[in-house]
């Protein structure tokens, strides 16, 4: 029987996470901690005895580097990988590059909280979580899921909000539930799917 394995990994801490900056589609690299988290993700997957047939990631280097570092730990450098902006982080628009405390001073704590934690209110020039789902979900259904259902063991290294889109479908969560869902950096979540694409089992490797 095919494994129908799908593993999701949020990228390790980036330099801008460390500096408390809104990142979005900006392209900082991993911090030292982020590099360690990415390698640890690979070690955790190796300890589970997992290998992969294909990988997917965004066009942003923090996700791509997380993938590369994790695969190196598994001994699978050179794995066929597809990069697509559909898996990019949510675009924070005018907030991108701003310190979160400075944004609160400029727009007020309540308004920034609405932008960060609402489902369908985008920041100026940016995307809401609903917008992010609208581009990530079709990509998952059309490009990622068919391979998983064929038995291709699949690893996706992406971002907190684009991965939320996939998790929302996999776990049948409401908009309210997905907003509360936190994803640890560099912590793989292992899904095995049924033939009808529903979840047969889930293992979260967050430390």
N, C-alpha and C. Protein backbone atom coordinates (compact mmCIF):
# COMPACT_ATOMS: atom_id res chain seq x y z
N UNK A 1 0.84 -1.19 0.00
CA UNK A 1 0.00 0.00 0.00
C UNK A 1 0.88 1.25 0.00
N UNK A 2 0.50 2.26 -0.75
CA UNK A 2 1.32 3.47 -0.80
C UNK A 2 1.21 4.24 0.52
N UNK A 3 2.26 5.00 0.80
CA UNK A 3 2.37 5.67 2.09
C UNK A 3 1.52 6.94 2.15
N UNK A 4 1.36 7.63 1.01
CA UNK A 4 0.65 8.92 0.96
C UNK A 4 1.12 9.85 2.07
N UNK A 5 2.43 10.11 2.05
CA UNK A 5 3.10 10.89 3.09
C UNK A 5 3.21 12.35 2.69
N UNK A 6 2.81 13.24 3.58
CA UNK A 6 2.95 14.69 3.38
C UNK A 6 3.52 15.29 4.66
N UNK A 7 4.68 15.93 4.53
CA UNK A 7 5.32 16.56 5.69
C UNK A 7 5.42 18.06 5.45
N UNK A 8 4.94 18.84 6.41
CA UNK A 8 5.01 20.30 6.35
C UNK A 8 6.03 20.81 7.36
N UNK A 9 6.88 21.73 6.91
CA UNK A 9 7.87 22.34 7.81
C UNK A 9 7.86 23.85 7.62
N UNK A 10 7.64 24.58 8.69
CA UNK A 10 7.81 26.03 8.64
C UNK A 10 9.30 26.34 8.72
N UNK A 11 9.73 27.32 7.93
CA UNK A 11 11.16 27.66 7.91
C UNK A 11 11.67 28.02 9.30
N UNK A 12 12.97 27.86 9.48
CA UNK A 12 13.61 28.26 10.73
C UNK A 12 13.57 29.78 10.91
N UNK A 13 13.92 30.21 12.10
CA UNK A 13 13.90 31.65 12.40
C UNK A 13 14.74 32.42 11.37
N UNK A 14 14.19 33.54 10.89
CA UNK A 14 14.95 34.38 9.96
C UNK A 14 15.58 35.54 10.74
N UNK A 15 16.50 36.24 10.05
CA UNK A 15 17.12 37.42 10.67
C UNK A 15 16.08 38.44 11.07
N UNK A 16 15.03 38.56 10.27
CA UNK A 16 14.00 39.56 10.57
C UNK A 16 13.06 39.09 11.68
N UNK A 17 12.81 37.79 11.78
CA UNK A 17 12.07 37.29 12.95
C UNK A 17 12.80 37.72 14.21
N UNK A 18 14.11 37.55 14.16
CA UNK A 18 14.96 37.87 15.32
C UNK A 18 14.86 39.35 15.68
N UNK A 19 14.75 40.20 14.65
CA UNK A 19 14.70 41.65 14.88
C UNK A 19 13.27 42.17 15.06
N UNK A 20 12.29 41.26 15.11
CA UNK A 20 10.89 41.63 15.34
C UNK A 20 10.33 42.49 14.21
N UNK A 21 10.73 42.17 12.97
CA UNK A 21 10.26 42.92 11.80
C UNK A 21 9.18 42.12 11.06
N UNK A 22 8.22 42.84 10.48
CA UNK A 22 7.29 42.21 9.55
C UNK A 22 8.07 41.82 8.29
N UNK A 23 7.93 40.58 7.87
CA UNK A 23 8.76 40.09 6.78
C UNK A 23 7.97 39.95 5.49
N UNK A 24 6.95 39.12 5.48
CA UNK A 24 6.14 38.95 4.28
C UNK A 24 6.96 38.45 3.10
N UNK A 25 6.91 39.21 1.97
CA UNK A 25 7.61 38.79 0.76
C UNK A 25 9.05 39.30 0.70
N UNK A 26 9.48 40.02 1.72
CA UNK A 26 10.90 40.40 1.79
C UNK A 26 11.71 39.12 1.97
N UNK A 27 13.03 39.21 1.70
CA UNK A 27 13.78 37.97 1.53
C UNK A 27 15.02 37.84 2.42
N UNK A 28 14.88 38.05 3.72
CA UNK A 28 16.05 37.85 4.60
C UNK A 28 16.41 36.37 4.71
N UNK A 29 17.64 36.12 5.10
CA UNK A 29 18.11 34.75 5.27
C UNK A 29 17.79 34.25 6.68
N UNK A 30 18.12 32.99 6.92
CA UNK A 30 17.95 32.42 8.25
C UNK A 30 18.95 33.04 9.23
N UNK A 31 18.54 33.15 10.47
CA UNK A 31 19.47 33.50 11.55
C UNK A 31 20.27 32.25 11.93
N UNK A 32 21.24 32.43 12.82
CA UNK A 32 22.01 31.26 13.30
C UNK A 32 21.07 30.24 13.93
N UNK A 33 20.13 30.71 14.71
CA UNK A 33 19.15 29.80 15.32
C UNK A 33 18.32 29.12 14.23
N UNK A 34 17.94 29.88 13.20
CA UNK A 34 17.16 29.31 12.11
C UNK A 34 17.88 28.19 11.39
N UNK A 35 19.19 28.37 11.19
CA UNK A 35 20.00 27.31 10.58
C UNK A 35 19.97 26.06 11.46
N UNK A 36 20.12 26.26 12.77
CA UNK A 36 20.08 25.12 13.70
C UNK A 36 18.72 24.44 13.67
N UNK A 37 17.65 25.25 13.62
CA UNK A 37 16.29 24.69 13.58
C UNK A 37 16.07 23.86 12.32
N UNK A 38 16.57 24.36 11.18
CA UNK A 38 16.40 23.65 9.92
C UNK A 38 17.13 22.30 9.95
N UNK A 39 18.35 22.32 10.48
CA UNK A 39 19.12 21.07 10.58
C UNK A 39 18.42 20.10 11.54
N UNK A 40 17.89 20.63 12.62
CA UNK A 40 17.20 19.78 13.60
C UNK A 40 15.95 19.16 12.98
N UNK A 41 15.25 19.93 12.12
CA UNK A 41 14.09 19.38 11.41
C UNK A 41 14.50 18.17 10.59
N UNK A 42 15.63 18.28 9.90
CA UNK A 42 16.14 17.15 9.13
C UNK A 42 16.48 15.96 10.00
N UNK A 43 17.10 16.23 11.13
CA UNK A 43 17.46 15.13 12.04
C UNK A 43 16.22 14.42 12.58
N UNK A 44 15.19 15.21 12.88
CA UNK A 44 13.94 14.62 13.38
C UNK A 44 13.29 13.73 12.32
N UNK A 45 13.32 14.18 11.08
CA UNK A 45 12.74 13.38 10.00
C UNK A 45 13.56 12.11 9.77
N UNK A 46 14.87 12.25 9.86
CA UNK A 46 15.75 11.08 9.69
C UNK A 46 15.49 10.07 10.80
N UNK A 47 15.29 10.57 12.02
CA UNK A 47 15.03 9.68 13.16
C UNK A 47 13.72 8.91 12.98
N UNK A 48 12.80 9.50 12.20
CA UNK A 48 11.54 8.81 11.90
C UNK A 48 11.69 7.83 10.74
N UNK A 49 12.89 7.79 10.16
CA UNK A 49 13.15 6.89 9.05
C UNK A 49 12.53 7.35 7.74
N UNK A 50 12.31 8.67 7.62
CA UNK A 50 11.61 9.19 6.44
C UNK A 50 12.58 9.62 5.34
N UNK A 51 12.23 9.30 4.11
CA UNK A 51 12.87 9.86 2.93
C UNK A 51 11.77 10.35 2.00
N UNK A 52 12.16 11.12 0.98
CA UNK A 52 11.16 11.81 0.16
C UNK A 52 11.43 11.60 -1.33
N UNK A 53 10.36 11.73 -2.11
CA UNK A 53 10.44 11.65 -3.57
C UNK A 53 10.44 13.02 -4.22
N UNK A 54 9.83 14.00 -3.56
CA UNK A 54 9.72 15.34 -4.13
C UNK A 54 9.55 16.35 -3.01
N UNK A 55 9.97 17.59 -3.27
CA UNK A 55 9.80 18.67 -2.29
C UNK A 55 9.22 19.89 -2.97
N UNK A 56 8.52 20.70 -2.18
CA UNK A 56 7.96 21.96 -2.64
C UNK A 56 8.38 23.05 -1.67
N UNK A 57 8.63 24.26 -2.19
CA UNK A 57 8.96 25.38 -1.32
C UNK A 57 8.55 26.68 -2.01
N UNK A 58 8.72 27.79 -1.30
CA UNK A 58 8.36 29.09 -1.87
C UNK A 58 9.55 29.64 -2.66
N UNK A 59 9.42 30.87 -3.15
CA UNK A 59 10.54 31.49 -3.86
C UNK A 59 11.42 32.31 -2.91
N UNK A 60 11.18 32.21 -1.63
CA UNK A 60 11.93 32.99 -0.63
C UNK A 60 13.03 32.14 0.00
N UNK A 61 14.18 32.78 0.18
CA UNK A 61 15.38 31.99 0.54
C UNK A 61 15.29 31.35 1.93
N UNK A 62 14.54 31.95 2.86
CA UNK A 62 14.49 31.34 4.19
C UNK A 62 13.81 29.98 4.15
N UNK A 63 12.81 29.84 3.27
CA UNK A 63 12.16 28.53 3.12
C UNK A 63 13.03 27.58 2.31
N UNK A 64 13.64 28.08 1.24
CA UNK A 64 14.50 27.24 0.41
C UNK A 64 15.70 26.73 1.19
N UNK A 65 16.29 27.60 2.00
CA UNK A 65 17.47 27.18 2.77
C UNK A 65 17.09 26.18 3.86
N UNK A 66 15.94 26.39 4.47
CA UNK A 66 15.45 25.41 5.46
C UNK A 66 15.32 24.04 4.80
N UNK A 67 14.74 24.01 3.62
CA UNK A 67 14.59 22.76 2.89
C UNK A 67 15.95 22.13 2.60
N UNK A 68 16.87 22.93 2.09
CA UNK A 68 18.20 22.40 1.73
C UNK A 68 18.93 21.83 2.95
N UNK A 69 18.87 22.56 4.06
CA UNK A 69 19.57 22.11 5.27
C UNK A 69 18.94 20.84 5.83
N UNK A 70 17.61 20.78 5.81
CA UNK A 70 16.92 19.58 6.31
C UNK A 70 17.25 18.37 5.43
N UNK A 71 17.21 18.56 4.12
CA UNK A 71 17.49 17.45 3.20
C UNK A 71 18.93 16.97 3.34
N UNK A 72 19.85 17.89 3.61
CA UNK A 72 21.25 17.49 3.80
C UNK A 72 21.39 16.56 5.00
N UNK A 73 20.62 16.83 6.06
CA UNK A 73 20.67 15.97 7.25
C UNK A 73 20.11 14.57 6.94
N UNK A 74 19.12 14.52 6.04
CA UNK A 74 18.53 13.22 5.67
C UNK A 74 19.40 12.49 4.67
N UNK A 75 20.32 13.23 4.02
CA UNK A 75 21.15 12.64 2.98
C UNK A 75 20.45 12.64 1.63
N UNK A 76 19.61 13.65 1.41
CA UNK A 76 18.85 13.72 0.16
C UNK A 76 19.07 15.05 -0.58
N UNK A 77 20.29 15.56 -0.57
CA UNK A 77 20.56 16.75 -1.36
C UNK A 77 20.31 16.43 -2.83
N UNK A 78 19.79 17.39 -3.56
CA UNK A 78 19.49 17.14 -4.96
C UNK A 78 18.11 16.56 -5.21
N UNK A 79 17.28 16.49 -4.17
CA UNK A 79 15.91 15.98 -4.35
C UNK A 79 15.15 16.90 -5.32
N UNK A 80 14.37 16.33 -6.26
CA UNK A 80 13.56 17.18 -7.15
C UNK A 80 12.69 18.13 -6.34
N UNK A 81 12.82 19.44 -6.65
CA UNK A 81 12.14 20.46 -5.85
C UNK A 81 11.44 21.46 -6.75
N UNK A 82 10.23 21.82 -6.38
CA UNK A 82 9.47 22.82 -7.13
C UNK A 82 9.28 24.05 -6.24
N UNK A 83 9.65 25.22 -6.79
CA UNK A 83 9.51 26.48 -6.06
C UNK A 83 8.38 27.28 -6.69
N UNK A 84 7.52 27.84 -5.87
CA UNK A 84 6.41 28.62 -6.42
C UNK A 84 5.98 29.70 -5.43
N UNK A 85 5.69 30.89 -5.97
CA UNK A 85 5.28 31.98 -5.07
C UNK A 85 3.91 31.74 -4.46
N UNK A 86 3.17 30.74 -4.95
CA UNK A 86 1.91 30.38 -4.30
C UNK A 86 2.13 29.96 -2.85
N UNK A 87 3.35 29.48 -2.55
CA UNK A 87 3.68 29.05 -1.18
C UNK A 87 4.38 30.14 -0.38
N UNK A 88 4.51 31.33 -0.96
CA UNK A 88 5.14 32.43 -0.22
C UNK A 88 4.36 32.77 1.04
N UNK A 89 5.08 33.42 1.96
CA UNK A 89 4.43 33.97 3.14
C UNK A 89 3.37 34.99 2.72
N UNK A 90 2.47 35.26 3.63
CA UNK A 90 1.52 36.35 3.43
C UNK A 90 2.28 37.65 3.17
N UNK A 91 1.80 38.43 2.20
CA UNK A 91 2.40 39.72 1.89
C UNK A 91 1.88 40.77 2.87
N UNK A 92 2.79 41.33 3.66
CA UNK A 92 2.38 42.31 4.66
C UNK A 92 2.32 43.74 4.12
N UNK A 93 2.54 43.91 2.82
CA UNK A 93 2.36 45.22 2.20
C UNK A 93 3.19 46.30 2.86
N UNK A 94 2.52 47.39 3.26
CA UNK A 94 3.22 48.55 3.82
C UNK A 94 3.88 48.25 5.17
N UNK A 95 3.48 47.15 5.80
CA UNK A 95 4.10 46.79 7.08
C UNK A 95 5.46 46.10 6.88
N UNK A 96 5.72 45.58 5.68
CA UNK A 96 6.93 44.79 5.43
C UNK A 96 8.19 45.61 5.75
N UNK A 97 9.05 45.01 6.54
CA UNK A 97 10.30 45.67 6.92
C UNK A 97 10.20 46.55 8.15
N UNK A 98 8.97 46.78 8.63
CA UNK A 98 8.80 47.63 9.82
C UNK A 98 8.94 46.81 11.09
N UNK A 99 9.51 47.43 12.10
CA UNK A 99 9.52 46.83 13.42
C UNK A 99 8.08 46.81 13.95
N UNK A 100 7.69 45.70 14.56
CA UNK A 100 6.31 45.55 15.00
C UNK A 100 5.92 46.61 16.03
N UNK A 101 6.88 47.01 16.87
CA UNK A 101 6.60 48.07 17.85
C UNK A 101 6.39 49.41 17.15
N UNK A 102 7.21 49.69 16.11
CA UNK A 102 7.05 50.94 15.36
C UNK A 102 5.71 50.98 14.63
N UNK A 103 5.30 49.82 14.10
CA UNK A 103 3.99 49.75 13.42
C UNK A 103 2.87 50.07 14.40
N UNK A 104 3.00 49.58 15.62
CA UNK A 104 1.96 49.87 16.63
C UNK A 104 1.91 51.36 16.95
N UNK A 105 3.08 52.00 17.00
CA UNK A 105 3.10 53.45 17.27
C UNK A 105 2.45 54.22 16.12
N UNK A 106 2.67 53.76 14.89
CA UNK A 106 2.17 54.48 13.71
C UNK A 106 0.67 54.30 13.53
N UNK A 107 0.18 53.08 13.67
CA UNK A 107 -1.23 52.79 13.36
C UNK A 107 -2.08 52.47 14.60
N UNK A 108 -1.43 52.27 15.73
CA UNK A 108 -2.17 51.91 16.94
C UNK A 108 -2.18 50.41 17.15
N UNK A 109 -2.08 50.01 18.40
CA UNK A 109 -1.98 48.59 18.74
C UNK A 109 -3.18 47.80 18.23
N UNK A 110 -4.37 48.38 18.39
CA UNK A 110 -5.59 47.65 18.01
C UNK A 110 -5.62 47.38 16.51
N UNK A 111 -5.27 48.40 15.71
CA UNK A 111 -5.31 48.23 14.25
C UNK A 111 -4.29 47.19 13.78
N UNK A 112 -3.08 47.23 14.34
CA UNK A 112 -2.04 46.27 13.95
C UNK A 112 -2.47 44.86 14.35
N UNK A 113 -3.10 44.74 15.51
CA UNK A 113 -3.58 43.43 15.95
C UNK A 113 -4.64 42.89 14.98
N UNK A 114 -5.53 43.76 14.51
CA UNK A 114 -6.55 43.34 13.53
C UNK A 114 -5.87 42.84 12.26
N UNK A 115 -4.87 43.56 11.77
CA UNK A 115 -4.17 43.13 10.55
C UNK A 115 -3.48 41.79 10.76
N UNK A 116 -2.92 41.61 11.93
CA UNK A 116 -2.15 40.38 12.17
C UNK A 116 -3.06 39.18 12.45
N UNK A 117 -4.16 39.41 13.12
CA UNK A 117 -4.93 38.29 13.66
C UNK A 117 -6.32 38.12 13.07
N UNK A 118 -6.74 39.01 12.16
CA UNK A 118 -8.04 38.80 11.53
C UNK A 118 -7.88 37.86 10.34
N UNK A 119 -8.97 37.32 9.89
CA UNK A 119 -8.94 36.37 8.77
C UNK A 119 -8.96 37.09 7.42
N UNK A 120 -9.71 38.20 7.34
CA UNK A 120 -9.95 38.78 6.02
C UNK A 120 -9.72 40.28 5.93
N UNK A 121 -8.97 40.86 6.89
CA UNK A 121 -8.63 42.29 6.82
C UNK A 121 -7.15 42.43 6.47
N UNK A 122 -6.83 42.86 5.24
CA UNK A 122 -5.42 42.98 4.86
C UNK A 122 -4.80 44.28 5.36
N UNK A 123 -3.49 44.28 5.62
CA UNK A 123 -2.80 45.55 5.89
C UNK A 123 -2.71 46.35 4.59
N UNK A 124 -2.42 47.65 4.66
CA UNK A 124 -2.36 48.46 3.44
C UNK A 124 -1.38 47.87 2.42
N UNK A 125 -1.86 47.64 1.20
CA UNK A 125 -1.00 47.12 0.15
C UNK A 125 -0.63 45.66 0.28
N UNK A 126 -1.25 44.94 1.24
CA UNK A 126 -0.86 43.56 1.49
C UNK A 126 -2.00 42.57 1.38
N UNK A 127 -1.80 41.41 1.96
CA UNK A 127 -2.77 40.32 1.89
C UNK A 127 -3.31 39.99 3.28
N UNK A 128 -4.58 39.61 3.32
CA UNK A 128 -5.13 38.99 4.52
C UNK A 128 -4.78 37.50 4.49
N UNK A 129 -5.06 36.82 5.59
CA UNK A 129 -4.88 35.37 5.60
C UNK A 129 -5.79 34.73 4.54
N UNK A 130 -6.99 35.27 4.39
CA UNK A 130 -7.92 34.76 3.38
C UNK A 130 -7.32 34.87 1.98
N UNK A 131 -6.65 35.99 1.69
CA UNK A 131 -5.99 36.18 0.39
C UNK A 131 -4.87 35.14 0.20
N UNK A 132 -4.12 34.91 1.26
CA UNK A 132 -3.02 33.94 1.19
C UNK A 132 -3.57 32.54 0.91
N UNK A 133 -4.65 32.19 1.57
CA UNK A 133 -5.29 30.89 1.32
C UNK A 133 -5.75 30.79 -0.13
N UNK A 134 -6.23 31.91 -0.68
CA UNK A 134 -6.80 31.88 -2.03
C UNK A 134 -5.74 31.55 -3.09
N UNK A 135 -4.46 31.81 -2.80
CA UNK A 135 -3.43 31.43 -3.76
C UNK A 135 -2.74 30.12 -3.38
N UNK A 136 -2.66 29.82 -2.09
CA UNK A 136 -1.95 28.60 -1.67
C UNK A 136 -2.80 27.35 -1.86
N UNK A 137 -4.10 27.45 -1.62
CA UNK A 137 -4.95 26.26 -1.70
C UNK A 137 -5.06 25.66 -3.10
N UNK A 138 -5.31 26.47 -4.14
CA UNK A 138 -5.35 25.86 -5.47
C UNK A 138 -4.04 25.17 -5.85
N UNK A 139 -2.93 25.77 -5.43
CA UNK A 139 -1.63 25.16 -5.72
C UNK A 139 -1.51 23.80 -5.03
N UNK A 140 -1.95 23.74 -3.79
CA UNK A 140 -1.93 22.47 -3.05
C UNK A 140 -2.79 21.42 -3.76
N UNK A 141 -4.01 21.81 -4.12
CA UNK A 141 -4.94 20.85 -4.72
C UNK A 141 -4.46 20.39 -6.10
N UNK A 142 -3.90 21.31 -6.87
CA UNK A 142 -3.53 20.98 -8.25
C UNK A 142 -2.13 20.40 -8.39
N UNK A 143 -1.18 20.86 -7.56
CA UNK A 143 0.23 20.51 -7.76
C UNK A 143 0.79 19.55 -6.71
N UNK A 144 0.37 19.68 -5.47
CA UNK A 144 0.97 18.89 -4.39
C UNK A 144 0.17 17.62 -4.11
N UNK A 145 -1.13 17.78 -3.88
CA UNK A 145 -1.97 16.66 -3.45
C UNK A 145 -1.99 15.49 -4.44
N UNK A 146 -2.09 15.71 -5.76
CA UNK A 146 -2.14 14.55 -6.66
C UNK A 146 -0.94 13.62 -6.51
N UNK A 147 0.25 14.20 -6.34
CA UNK A 147 1.45 13.38 -6.15
C UNK A 147 1.40 12.59 -4.86
N UNK A 148 0.95 13.26 -3.79
CA UNK A 148 0.84 12.56 -2.50
C UNK A 148 -0.09 11.35 -2.64
N UNK A 149 -1.21 11.55 -3.31
CA UNK A 149 -2.18 10.46 -3.46
C UNK A 149 -1.65 9.34 -4.36
N UNK A 150 -0.69 9.67 -5.23
CA UNK A 150 -0.04 8.63 -6.06
C UNK A 150 1.03 7.89 -5.28
N UNK A 151 1.30 8.32 -4.05
CA UNK A 151 2.32 7.65 -3.26
C UNK A 151 3.67 8.33 -3.28
N UNK A 152 3.75 9.57 -3.81
CA UNK A 152 5.01 10.32 -3.78
C UNK A 152 5.17 10.94 -2.40
N UNK A 153 6.23 10.53 -1.71
CA UNK A 153 6.48 11.06 -0.36
C UNK A 153 6.95 12.50 -0.50
N UNK A 154 6.18 13.42 0.08
CA UNK A 154 6.29 14.84 -0.24
C UNK A 154 6.64 15.67 0.98
N UNK A 155 7.63 16.55 0.82
CA UNK A 155 8.05 17.48 1.86
C UNK A 155 7.78 18.90 1.38
N UNK A 156 7.09 19.69 2.20
CA UNK A 156 6.80 21.09 1.88
C UNK A 156 7.45 21.98 2.94
N UNK A 157 8.39 22.81 2.52
CA UNK A 157 9.02 23.79 3.42
C UNK A 157 8.52 25.16 3.02
N UNK A 158 7.77 25.80 3.89
CA UNK A 158 7.16 27.09 3.52
C UNK A 158 7.06 27.97 4.77
N UNK A 159 5.95 28.69 4.90
CA UNK A 159 5.83 29.78 5.87
C UNK A 159 4.60 29.59 6.74
N UNK A 160 4.58 30.30 7.87
CA UNK A 160 3.49 30.13 8.81
C UNK A 160 2.12 30.26 8.18
N UNK A 161 1.93 31.31 7.37
CA UNK A 161 0.58 31.55 6.83
C UNK A 161 0.26 30.71 5.62
N UNK A 162 1.23 30.45 4.74
CA UNK A 162 0.92 29.59 3.59
C UNK A 162 0.69 28.14 4.05
N UNK A 163 1.41 27.71 5.08
CA UNK A 163 1.17 26.37 5.61
C UNK A 163 -0.17 26.28 6.34
N UNK A 164 -0.60 27.39 6.95
CA UNK A 164 -1.92 27.40 7.57
C UNK A 164 -3.00 27.06 6.55
N UNK A 165 -2.81 27.53 5.32
CA UNK A 165 -3.78 27.25 4.27
C UNK A 165 -3.92 25.75 4.06
N UNK A 166 -2.79 25.06 4.00
CA UNK A 166 -2.81 23.62 3.79
C UNK A 166 -3.42 22.91 5.00
N UNK A 167 -3.03 23.37 6.18
CA UNK A 167 -3.53 22.74 7.42
C UNK A 167 -5.04 22.95 7.56
N UNK A 168 -5.51 24.11 7.12
CA UNK A 168 -6.95 24.39 7.21
C UNK A 168 -7.75 23.35 6.44
N UNK A 169 -7.25 22.98 5.27
CA UNK A 169 -7.93 21.96 4.46
C UNK A 169 -7.72 20.56 5.06
N UNK A 170 -6.48 20.25 5.39
CA UNK A 170 -6.18 18.91 5.90
C UNK A 170 -6.96 18.59 7.17
N UNK A 171 -7.04 19.57 8.07
CA UNK A 171 -7.66 19.32 9.37
C UNK A 171 -9.09 19.86 9.46
N UNK A 172 -9.60 20.35 8.30
CA UNK A 172 -10.99 20.84 8.24
C UNK A 172 -11.27 21.89 9.33
N UNK A 173 -10.40 22.90 9.39
CA UNK A 173 -10.53 23.94 10.40
C UNK A 173 -11.35 25.12 9.87
N UNK A 174 -12.03 25.81 10.76
CA UNK A 174 -12.76 27.03 10.42
C UNK A 174 -11.78 28.21 10.39
N UNK A 175 -12.18 29.35 9.79
CA UNK A 175 -11.32 30.54 9.85
C UNK A 175 -10.92 30.91 11.28
N UNK A 176 -11.85 30.76 12.21
CA UNK A 176 -11.53 31.10 13.61
C UNK A 176 -10.48 30.15 14.17
N UNK A 177 -10.61 28.87 13.84
CA UNK A 177 -9.66 27.89 14.36
C UNK A 177 -8.27 28.06 13.76
N UNK A 178 -8.20 28.37 12.46
CA UNK A 178 -6.89 28.47 11.83
C UNK A 178 -6.13 29.70 12.32
N UNK A 179 -6.85 30.75 12.70
CA UNK A 179 -6.20 31.94 13.24
C UNK A 179 -5.47 31.64 14.54
N UNK A 180 -5.99 30.69 15.30
CA UNK A 180 -5.39 30.37 16.60
C UNK A 180 -4.26 29.35 16.47
N UNK A 181 -4.08 28.80 15.27
CA UNK A 181 -3.11 27.73 15.09
C UNK A 181 -1.70 28.30 14.96
N UNK A 182 -0.84 27.96 15.90
CA UNK A 182 0.56 28.39 15.84
C UNK A 182 1.41 27.25 15.29
N UNK A 183 2.37 27.61 14.46
CA UNK A 183 3.31 26.63 13.90
C UNK A 183 4.70 26.96 14.39
N UNK A 184 5.33 26.02 15.06
CA UNK A 184 6.69 26.25 15.53
C UNK A 184 7.66 26.26 14.35
N UNK A 185 8.68 27.13 14.42
CA UNK A 185 9.68 27.17 13.36
C UNK A 185 10.51 25.89 13.38
N UNK A 186 10.73 25.34 12.20
CA UNK A 186 11.60 24.16 12.07
C UNK A 186 11.06 22.89 12.68
N UNK A 187 9.74 22.81 12.91
CA UNK A 187 9.17 21.61 13.54
C UNK A 187 8.28 20.89 12.53
N UNK A 188 8.71 19.74 12.00
CA UNK A 188 7.92 19.05 10.99
C UNK A 188 6.59 18.53 11.55
N UNK A 189 5.56 18.61 10.70
CA UNK A 189 4.27 17.98 10.99
C UNK A 189 4.06 16.91 9.91
N UNK A 190 3.92 15.67 10.35
CA UNK A 190 3.86 14.52 9.44
C UNK A 190 2.41 14.06 9.30
N UNK A 191 1.91 14.10 8.07
CA UNK A 191 0.56 13.61 7.78
C UNK A 191 0.67 12.37 6.90
N UNK A 192 -0.19 11.40 7.17
CA UNK A 192 -0.42 10.31 6.23
C UNK A 192 -1.90 10.39 5.83
N UNK A 193 -2.14 10.35 4.54
CA UNK A 193 -3.48 10.60 4.03
C UNK A 193 -4.18 9.32 3.60
N UNK A 194 -5.48 9.34 3.70
CA UNK A 194 -6.31 8.28 3.11
C UNK A 194 -6.41 8.51 1.60
N UNK A 195 -6.93 7.51 0.91
CA UNK A 195 -7.07 7.61 -0.55
C UNK A 195 -7.99 8.75 -0.96
N UNK A 196 -8.89 9.18 -0.08
CA UNK A 196 -9.81 10.27 -0.41
C UNK A 196 -9.26 11.64 0.00
N UNK A 197 -7.97 11.69 0.38
CA UNK A 197 -7.22 12.90 0.74
C UNK A 197 -7.48 13.39 2.17
N UNK A 198 -8.33 12.68 2.93
CA UNK A 198 -8.49 13.04 4.35
C UNK A 198 -7.30 12.50 5.14
N UNK A 199 -7.14 13.01 6.36
CA UNK A 199 -5.97 12.66 7.16
C UNK A 199 -6.19 11.32 7.88
N UNK A 200 -5.28 10.38 7.64
CA UNK A 200 -5.32 9.09 8.35
C UNK A 200 -4.60 9.21 9.69
N UNK A 201 -3.46 9.94 9.70
CA UNK A 201 -2.72 10.11 10.95
C UNK A 201 -1.91 11.40 10.87
N UNK A 202 -1.60 11.94 12.04
CA UNK A 202 -0.82 13.17 12.13
C UNK A 202 0.16 13.04 13.28
N UNK A 203 1.41 13.45 13.03
CA UNK A 203 2.42 13.48 14.09
C UNK A 203 3.14 14.81 14.03
N UNK A 204 3.05 15.58 15.11
CA UNK A 204 3.70 16.89 15.19
C UNK A 204 5.00 16.73 15.94
N UNK A 205 6.12 17.05 15.29
CA UNK A 205 7.44 16.86 15.90
C UNK A 205 7.96 18.11 16.60
N UNK A 206 7.08 19.04 16.95
CA UNK A 206 7.51 20.21 17.71
C UNK A 206 8.11 19.73 19.04
N UNK A 207 9.24 20.34 19.38
CA UNK A 207 9.97 19.89 20.58
C UNK A 207 9.13 20.13 21.83
